[in-house]
Amino acid sequence: MTTASLTVMFEAPFWIGLFEMTDRQGLRVCKVTFGAEPTDKEVMEYVDRHWHQLRYSQAIEIDQTTEHRQNPKRQMREAKKQMQSHGIGTKSQQALKLQQEQNKTERKQRSRIEHEAEKQRKFDLRQAKKAEKHRGH
């Protein structure tokens, strides 16, 4: 069973959305920056348009509890309590940190490859200039 939740909160200086998805693999998290405080309609439009584009972190294992059917009134109380709570869970923070580290390593690899390609291009240009100078003799 897959469950997903979205928490919109203010993280100075921007409003962010924290998508959490729990499935058989574990907990995965995605953080989205909204900028100004989004309205409910803007949040729903964002979810509708960009749900398939969200880049979730790798799954973090969580203890699987057997889920049983709850009383609808209890579900409403718990939903209301979650709406009142502030902050994100430590598992979510761990998943976000893991995703940031992965993005950082990917960015470093890309920049290193680009840097090496630029060095090779300059080297080839110098070699071509040398060959052009000696061509006339």
Protein backbone atom coordinates (compact mmCIF):
# COMPACT_ATOMS: atom_id res chain seq x y z
CA MET A 1 0.00 0.00 0.00
CA THR A 2 1.29 3.44 -0.90
CA THR A 3 0.47 6.54 1.11
CA ALA A 4 1.45 10.09 0.26
CA SER A 5 1.20 13.34 2.14
CA LEU A 6 2.04 16.97 1.52
CA THR A 7 3.02 19.44 4.22
CA VAL A 8 3.21 23.13 3.31
CA MET A 9 5.23 25.21 5.75
CA PHE A 10 7.25 28.37 6.04
CA GLU A 11 11.00 27.84 6.02
CA ALA A 12 12.52 31.32 6.04
CA PRO A 13 12.51 33.07 3.61
CA PHE A 14 10.25 30.85 1.44
CA TRP A 15 7.19 28.63 1.69
CA ILE A 16 8.01 25.00 0.92
CA GLY A 17 6.05 21.86 0.24
CA LEU A 18 7.29 18.58 1.68
CA PHE A 19 5.98 15.55 -0.19
CA GLU A 20 6.30 12.28 1.74
CA MET A 21 5.57 8.93 0.11
CA THR A 22 5.55 5.65 2.01
CA ASP A 23 5.40 2.36 0.17
CA ARG A 24 6.85 -1.12 0.55
CA GLN A 25 10.33 0.26 -0.19
CA GLY A 26 10.18 2.76 2.69
CA LEU A 27 9.82 6.50 3.16
CA ARG A 28 10.77 8.82 0.29
CA VAL A 29 10.72 12.61 0.45
CA CYS A 30 10.70 15.49 -2.03
CA LYS A 31 11.02 19.18 -1.14
CA VAL A 32 9.49 21.88 -3.37
CA THR A 33 9.98 25.63 -2.93
CA PHE A 34 6.88 27.72 -3.59
CA GLY A 35 8.24 31.20 -2.79
CA ALA A 36 5.27 33.30 -1.66
CA GLU A 37 2.58 31.66 0.44
CA PRO A 38 0.57 29.47 -1.93
CA THR A 39 -3.21 29.27 -1.81
CA ASP A 40 -4.95 25.91 -1.60
CA LYS A 41 -5.87 26.22 -5.27
CA GLU A 42 -2.24 26.88 -6.28
CA VAL A 43 -1.07 23.87 -4.27
CA MET A 44 -3.65 21.60 -5.90
CA GLU A 45 -2.75 22.90 -9.37
CA TYR A 46 0.94 22.27 -8.63
CA VAL A 47 0.22 18.71 -7.51
CA ASP A 48 -1.94 18.08 -10.60
CA ARG A 49 0.63 19.44 -13.04
CA HIS A 50 3.92 18.34 -11.49
CA TRP A 51 3.18 15.13 -9.57
CA HIS A 52 4.92 12.94 -12.16
CA GLN A 53 7.98 15.26 -12.24
CA LEU A 54 8.76 15.15 -8.53
CA ARG A 55 12.21 13.78 -7.73
CA TYR A 56 12.01 11.77 -4.53
CA SER A 57 14.95 10.81 -2.36
CA GLN A 58 16.04 7.22 -1.99
CA ALA A 59 13.81 5.20 0.29
CA ILE A 60 14.63 5.06 3.99
CA GLU A 61 13.46 1.93 5.73
CA ILE A 62 10.75 2.38 8.31
CA ASP A 63 9.24 -0.14 10.63
CA GLN A 64 6.18 -1.66 9.05
CA THR A 65 3.19 -1.64 11.35
CA THR A 66 0.13 -3.62 10.54
CA GLU A 67 -2.54 -1.19 9.57
CA HIS A 68 -6.08 -1.69 10.72
CA ARG A 69 -9.22 0.14 9.83
CA GLN A 70 -9.82 3.19 12.00
CA ASN A 71 -12.96 4.88 13.09
CA PRO A 72 -13.72 7.79 10.71
CA LYS A 73 -14.08 10.20 13.62
CA ARG A 74 -10.64 9.19 14.91
CA GLN A 75 -9.21 9.68 11.43
CA MET A 76 -10.67 13.19 11.33
CA ARG A 77 -9.20 14.01 14.76
CA GLU A 78 -5.77 12.75 13.70
CA ALA A 79 -5.94 14.69 10.45
CA LYS A 80 -6.83 17.84 12.39
CA LYS A 81 -3.95 17.18 14.80
CA GLN A 82 -1.53 16.80 11.88
CA MET A 83 -2.77 20.07 10.43
CA GLN A 84 -1.97 21.79 13.72
CA SER A 85 1.49 20.25 14.11
CA HIS A 86 4.52 22.15 12.89
CA GLY A 87 7.82 20.89 11.54
CA ILE A 88 8.85 17.74 9.76
CA GLY A 89 9.72 14.34 11.13
CA THR A 90 13.27 13.18 11.64
CA LYS A 91 12.85 10.43 9.04
CA SER A 92 11.83 13.07 6.51
CA GLN A 93 14.83 15.18 7.48
CA GLN A 94 17.13 12.20 6.99
CA ALA A 95 15.63 11.50 3.57
CA LEU A 96 16.00 15.16 2.55
CA LYS A 97 19.62 15.21 3.68
CA LEU A 98 20.30 12.03 1.71
CA GLN A 99 18.72 13.57 -1.40
CA GLN A 100 20.80 16.75 -0.98
CA GLU A 101 23.99 14.70 -0.72
CA GLN A 102 23.07 12.73 -3.86
CA ASN A 103 22.35 15.93 -5.78
CA LYS A 104 25.67 17.35 -4.59
CA THR A 105 27.67 14.35 -5.82
CA GLU A 106 25.84 14.36 -9.16
CA ARG A 107 26.53 18.08 -9.55
CA LYS A 108 30.23 17.57 -8.72
CA GLN A 109 30.51 14.76 -11.28
CA ARG A 110 28.83 16.86 -13.98
CA SER A 111 31.03 19.89 -13.30
CA ARG A 112 34.18 17.74 -13.27
CA ILE A 113 33.26 16.19 -16.63
CA GLU A 114 32.48 19.64 -18.07
CA HIS A 115 35.78 21.00 -16.74
CA GLU A 116 37.74 18.13 -18.26
CA ALA A 117 35.93 18.56 -21.58
CA GLU A 118 36.79 22.29 -21.57
CA LYS A 119 40.46 21.49 -20.84
CA GLN A 120 40.51 18.97 -23.70
CA ARG A 121 38.89 21.49 -26.05
CA LYS A 122 41.51 24.13 -25.21
CA PHE A 123 44.30 21.58 -25.64
CA ASP A 124 42.95 20.54 -29.04
CA LEU A 125 42.70 24.21 -30.05
CA ARG A 126 46.34 24.80 -29.09
CA GLN A 127 47.44 21.72 -31.03
CA ALA A 128 45.51 22.90 -34.08
CA LYS A 129 47.17 26.33 -33.86
CA LYS A 130 50.61 24.69 -33.64
CA ALA A 131 49.85 22.53 -36.67
CA GLU A 132 48.59 25.59 -38.59
CA LYS A 133 51.83 27.51 -37.85
CA HIS A 134 54.00 24.69 -39.15
CA ARG A 135 51.86 24.02 -42.22
CA GLY A 136 53.41 26.85 -44.25
CA HIS A 137 57.02 25.59 -43.94
